Structure formats: structure tokens, C-alpha cells
Amino acid sequence: QVQFVESGGGLVKSGESLRLSCASNTIPLSLYTIEWHRQVPGKERELVAGITTSGITDYADSVKGRFTISRDNAKKVVYLQMNSLKAEDTAVYYCNARVGSTPLNWWGQGTQVTVSS
């Protein structure tokens, strides 16, 4: 079963930075649009950022100017650089793949990001 591995989360203070990584040993990430999502208990999963196969990026309004998604196809990793973190960024972060408008739902275990104010 295809599954992503998310890593890089942790406990930081407001204003600090983290870099999350999304990797897969089973699929070539370069063939897919990759998205980062986040979820807070009791709420629906929220799309945070995405990057297409050609490198076009898109962001949720809540993270524009603070988060940057990038991909290293040679290393088979997609990153989410998160700067100027806020308490409201606290969530479990997951990555997923998409082909066109179809999500593939290869959810991993996620990585916890906790921002203390």
C-alpha cells in the first residue's frame, strides 16, 4: 500500500520556524501534485499548500507569505517551510498526492506541529 511518511514536526514558540518533509519510498513523487494538509482534533482536514509537477505552488490564505512548499525530485521529498509560526498553526500535518482533481488519499501518520504562544 502506498503511503507517505511525514516528518519534521515539533514544539516551537510563536514566531519560530519548522521545515516538514514528505517522502515516499514506493512512488516517484515527481509524477504527482503533492499537497500538505493539516487537521486539528474535531475539525475537518484543511488544505495548506500544493505544488504541481511543474512547480506551480498554491497556498491557503491563512499561510500565504509565511509557508513555502518545494520539491526535490532527486531526493523524492516535498518540503513545507513554515516561518513566523502562530498558535493557530498547531495541527497534525499530512501530505497527499493528487492527479488532476482526484486526490489519491495516500495518507501517512502525519507529523504534529505545536506552536506555543
C-alpha atoms as a PDB file:
ATOM      1  CA  GLN A   1       0.000   0.000   0.000  1.00  0.00           C
ATOM      2  CA  VAL A   2       1.329   3.397  -0.943  1.00  0.00           C
ATOM      3  CA  GLN A   3       1.802   5.703   1.977  1.00  0.00           C
ATOM      4  CA  PHE A   4       3.653   8.893   2.654  1.00  0.00           C
ATOM      5  CA  VAL A   5       5.987   9.493   5.571  1.00  0.00           C
ATOM      6  CA  GLU A   6       5.748  12.924   7.111  1.00  0.00           C
ATOM      7  CA  SER A   7       8.414  14.241   9.474  1.00  0.00           C
ATOM      8  CA  GLY A   8       9.892  17.403  10.923  1.00  0.00           C
ATOM      9  CA  GLY A   9       7.178  18.451  13.319  1.00  0.00           C
ATOM     10  CA  GLY A  10       7.792  19.557  16.863  1.00  0.00           C
ATOM     11  CA  LEU A  11       7.103  22.066  19.604  1.00  0.00           C
ATOM     12  CA  VAL A  12       8.135  25.638  18.858  1.00  0.00           C
ATOM     13  CA  LYS A  13       7.322  29.118  20.080  1.00  0.00           C
ATOM     14  CA  SER A  14       5.285  31.650  18.195  1.00  0.00           C
ATOM     15  CA  GLY A  15       7.393  33.326  15.518  1.00  0.00           C
ATOM     16  CA  GLU A  16       9.772  30.414  15.091  1.00  0.00           C
ATOM     17  CA  SER A  17      10.175  28.128  12.075  1.00  0.00           C
ATOM     18  CA  LEU A  18       9.935  24.462  11.156  1.00  0.00           C
ATOM     19  CA  ARG A  19      10.540  22.517   7.969  1.00  0.00           C
ATOM     20  CA  LEU A  20       8.358  19.498   7.310  1.00  0.00           C
ATOM     21  CA  SER A  21       9.289  16.705   4.932  1.00  0.00           C
ATOM     22  CA  CYS A  22       7.068  14.376   2.939  1.00  0.00           C
ATOM     23  CA  ALA A  23       8.677  11.290   1.470  1.00  0.00           C
ATOM     24  CA  SER A  24       7.752   8.005  -0.129  1.00  0.00           C
ATOM     25  CA  ASN A  25       9.942   5.021  -0.851  1.00  0.00           C
ATOM     26  CA  THR A  26       7.380   3.466  -3.141  1.00  0.00           C
ATOM     27  CA  ILE A  27       6.289   6.130  -5.604  1.00  0.00           C
ATOM     28  CA  PRO A  28       8.076   8.771  -7.645  1.00  0.00           C
ATOM     29  CA  LEU A  29       6.748  11.990  -6.155  1.00  0.00           C
ATOM     30  CA  SER A  30       7.798  13.847  -9.297  1.00  0.00           C
ATOM     31  CA  LEU A  31       4.798  12.396 -11.150  1.00  0.00           C
ATOM     32  CA  TYR A  32       2.170  13.892  -8.844  1.00  0.00           C
ATOM     33  CA  THR A  33       0.833  17.111  -7.490  1.00  0.00           C
ATOM     34  CA  ILE A  34       1.685  16.979  -3.800  1.00  0.00           C
ATOM     35  CA  GLU A  35      -0.324  18.757  -1.152  1.00  0.00           C
ATOM     36  CA  TRP A  36       0.154  19.471   2.524  1.00  0.00           C
ATOM     37  CA  HIS A  37      -2.956  19.340   4.690  1.00  0.00           C
ATOM     38  CA  ARG A  38      -3.452  19.854   8.400  1.00  0.00           C
ATOM     39  CA  GLN A  39      -6.022  18.759  10.913  1.00  0.00           C
ATOM     40  CA  VAL A  40      -6.982  19.856  14.373  1.00  0.00           C
ATOM     41  CA  PRO A  41      -8.995  17.404  16.510  1.00  0.00           C
ATOM     42  CA  GLY A  42     -12.699  17.912  15.963  1.00  0.00           C
ATOM     43  CA  LYS A  43     -12.227  19.816  12.721  1.00  0.00           C
ATOM     44  CA  GLU A  44     -12.035  18.831   9.078  1.00  0.00           C
ATOM     45  CA  ARG A  45      -8.707  18.407   7.375  1.00  0.00           C
ATOM     46  CA  GLU A  46      -7.605  21.675   5.753  1.00  0.00           C
ATOM     47  CA  LEU A  47      -5.557  22.119   2.584  1.00  0.00           C
ATOM     48  CA  VAL A  48      -2.491  24.215   3.361  1.00  0.00           C
ATOM     49  CA  ALA A  49      -0.340  24.197   0.236  1.00  0.00           C
ATOM     50  CA  GLY A  50       0.203  22.337  -3.001  1.00  0.00           C
ATOM     51  CA  ILE A  51       2.840  22.022  -5.681  1.00  0.00           C
ATOM     52  CA  THR A  52       2.271  20.680  -9.177  1.00  0.00           C
ATOM     53  CA  THR A  53       4.641  18.518 -11.193  1.00  0.00           C
ATOM     54  CA  SER A  54       5.837  21.662 -12.966  1.00  0.00           C
ATOM     55  CA  GLY A  55       6.477  23.500  -9.712  1.00  0.00           C
ATOM     56  CA  ILE A  56       3.422  25.745  -9.614  1.00  0.00           C
ATOM     57  CA  THR A  57       2.503  26.414  -5.992  1.00  0.00           C
ATOM     58  CA  ASP A  58      -0.671  27.453  -4.237  1.00  0.00           C
ATOM     59  CA  TYR A  59      -1.396  28.305  -0.610  1.00  0.00           C
ATOM     60  CA  ALA A  60      -4.279  28.758   1.761  1.00  0.00           C
ATOM     61  CA  ASP A  61      -4.829  32.416   2.567  1.00  0.00           C
ATOM     62  CA  SER A  62      -4.000  31.747   6.204  1.00  0.00           C
ATOM     63  CA  VAL A  63      -0.402  30.749   5.391  1.00  0.00           C
ATOM     64  CA  LYS A  64       0.452  32.892   2.356  1.00  0.00           C
ATOM     65  CA  GLY A  65       3.697  34.754   2.855  1.00  0.00           C
ATOM     66  CA  ARG A  66       4.720  32.505   5.761  1.00  0.00           C
ATOM     67  CA  PHE A  67       4.821  28.970   4.320  1.00  0.00           C
ATOM     68  CA  THR A  68       6.729  27.749   1.275  1.00  0.00           C
ATOM     69  CA  ILE A  69       6.220  24.389  -0.416  1.00  0.00           C
ATOM     70  CA  SER A  70       9.005  22.963  -2.551  1.00  0.00           C
ATOM     71  CA  ARG A  71      10.060  19.671  -4.013  1.00  0.00           C
ATOM     72  CA  ASP A  72      13.354  17.897  -4.515  1.00  0.00           C
ATOM     73  CA  ASN A  73      12.596  15.247  -7.107  1.00  0.00           C
ATOM     74  CA  ALA A  74      16.076  13.768  -6.904  1.00  0.00           C
ATOM     75  CA  LYS A  75      15.630  13.123  -3.180  1.00  0.00           C
ATOM     76  CA  LYS A  76      11.944  12.207  -3.610  1.00  0.00           C
ATOM     77  CA  VAL A  77      10.933  14.685  -0.937  1.00  0.00           C
ATOM     78  CA  VAL A  78       8.458  17.539  -0.743  1.00  0.00           C
ATOM     79  CA  TYR A  79       9.101  20.164   1.904  1.00  0.00           C
ATOM     80  CA  LEU A  80       6.930  22.657   3.730  1.00  0.00           C
ATOM     81  CA  GLN A  81       8.973  25.508   5.164  1.00  0.00           C
ATOM     82  CA  MET A  82       6.932  27.202   7.854  1.00  0.00           C
ATOM     83  CA  ASN A  83       8.079  30.592   9.111  1.00  0.00           C
ATOM     84  CA  SER A  84       6.536  33.039  11.561  1.00  0.00           C
ATOM     85  CA  LEU A  85       4.517  30.245  13.097  1.00  0.00           C
ATOM     86  CA  LYS A  86       1.392  31.112  15.047  1.00  0.00           C
ATOM     87  CA  ALA A  87      -0.544  29.233  17.693  1.00  0.00           C
ATOM     88  CA  GLU A  88      -3.309  28.660  15.161  1.00  0.00           C
ATOM     89  CA  ASP A  89      -0.888  26.665  13.002  1.00  0.00           C
ATOM     90  CA  THR A  90      -0.941  23.942  15.658  1.00  0.00           C
ATOM     91  CA  ALA A  91      -2.186  20.757  13.989  1.00  0.00           C
ATOM     92  CA  VAL A  92      -1.173  17.390  12.632  1.00  0.00           C
ATOM     93  CA  TYR A  93       0.257  17.902   9.166  1.00  0.00           C
ATOM     94  CA  TYR A  94      -0.206  15.340   6.396  1.00  0.00           C
ATOM     95  CA  CYS A  95       0.802  15.126   2.771  1.00  0.00           C
ATOM     96  CA  ASN A  96      -1.178  13.652  -0.088  1.00  0.00           C
ATOM     97  CA  ALA A  97      -0.912  13.206  -3.825  1.00  0.00           C
ATOM     98  CA  ARG A  98      -3.325  14.314  -6.466  1.00  0.00           C
ATOM     99  CA  VAL A  99      -3.766  13.586 -10.161  1.00  0.00           C
ATOM    100  CA  GLY A 100      -5.752  16.329 -11.775  1.00  0.00           C
ATOM    101  CA  SER A 101      -8.642  16.970  -9.404  1.00  0.00           C
ATOM    102  CA  THR A 102      -8.562  13.455  -7.948  1.00  0.00           C
ATOM    103  CA  PRO A 103      -6.912  13.023  -4.536  1.00  0.00           C
ATOM    104  CA  LEU A 104      -5.177   9.688  -4.084  1.00  0.00           C
ATOM    105  CA  ASN A 105      -5.549   9.602  -0.288  1.00  0.00           C
ATOM    106  CA  TRP A 106      -2.174   8.041   0.450  1.00  0.00           C
ATOM    107  CA  TRP A 107      -2.268   9.455   3.952  1.00  0.00           C
ATOM    108  CA  GLY A 108       0.601   8.772   6.312  1.00  0.00           C
ATOM    109  CA  GLN A 109       0.676   9.085  10.089  1.00  0.00           C
ATOM    110  CA  GLY A 110       1.233  12.804   9.916  1.00  0.00           C
ATOM    111  CA  THR A 111       3.585  14.936  11.946  1.00  0.00           C
ATOM    112  CA  GLN A 112       2.496  17.014  14.928  1.00  0.00           C
ATOM    113  CA  VAL A 113       3.235  20.731  14.933  1.00  0.00           C
ATOM    114  CA  THR A 114       2.614  22.565  18.180  1.00  0.00           C
ATOM    115  CA  VAL A 115       3.152  26.313  18.440  1.00  0.00           C
ATOM    116  CA  SER A 116       3.079  27.846  21.885  1.00  0.00           C
ATOM    117  CA  SER A 117       2.057  31.475  22.199  1.00  0.00           C
END
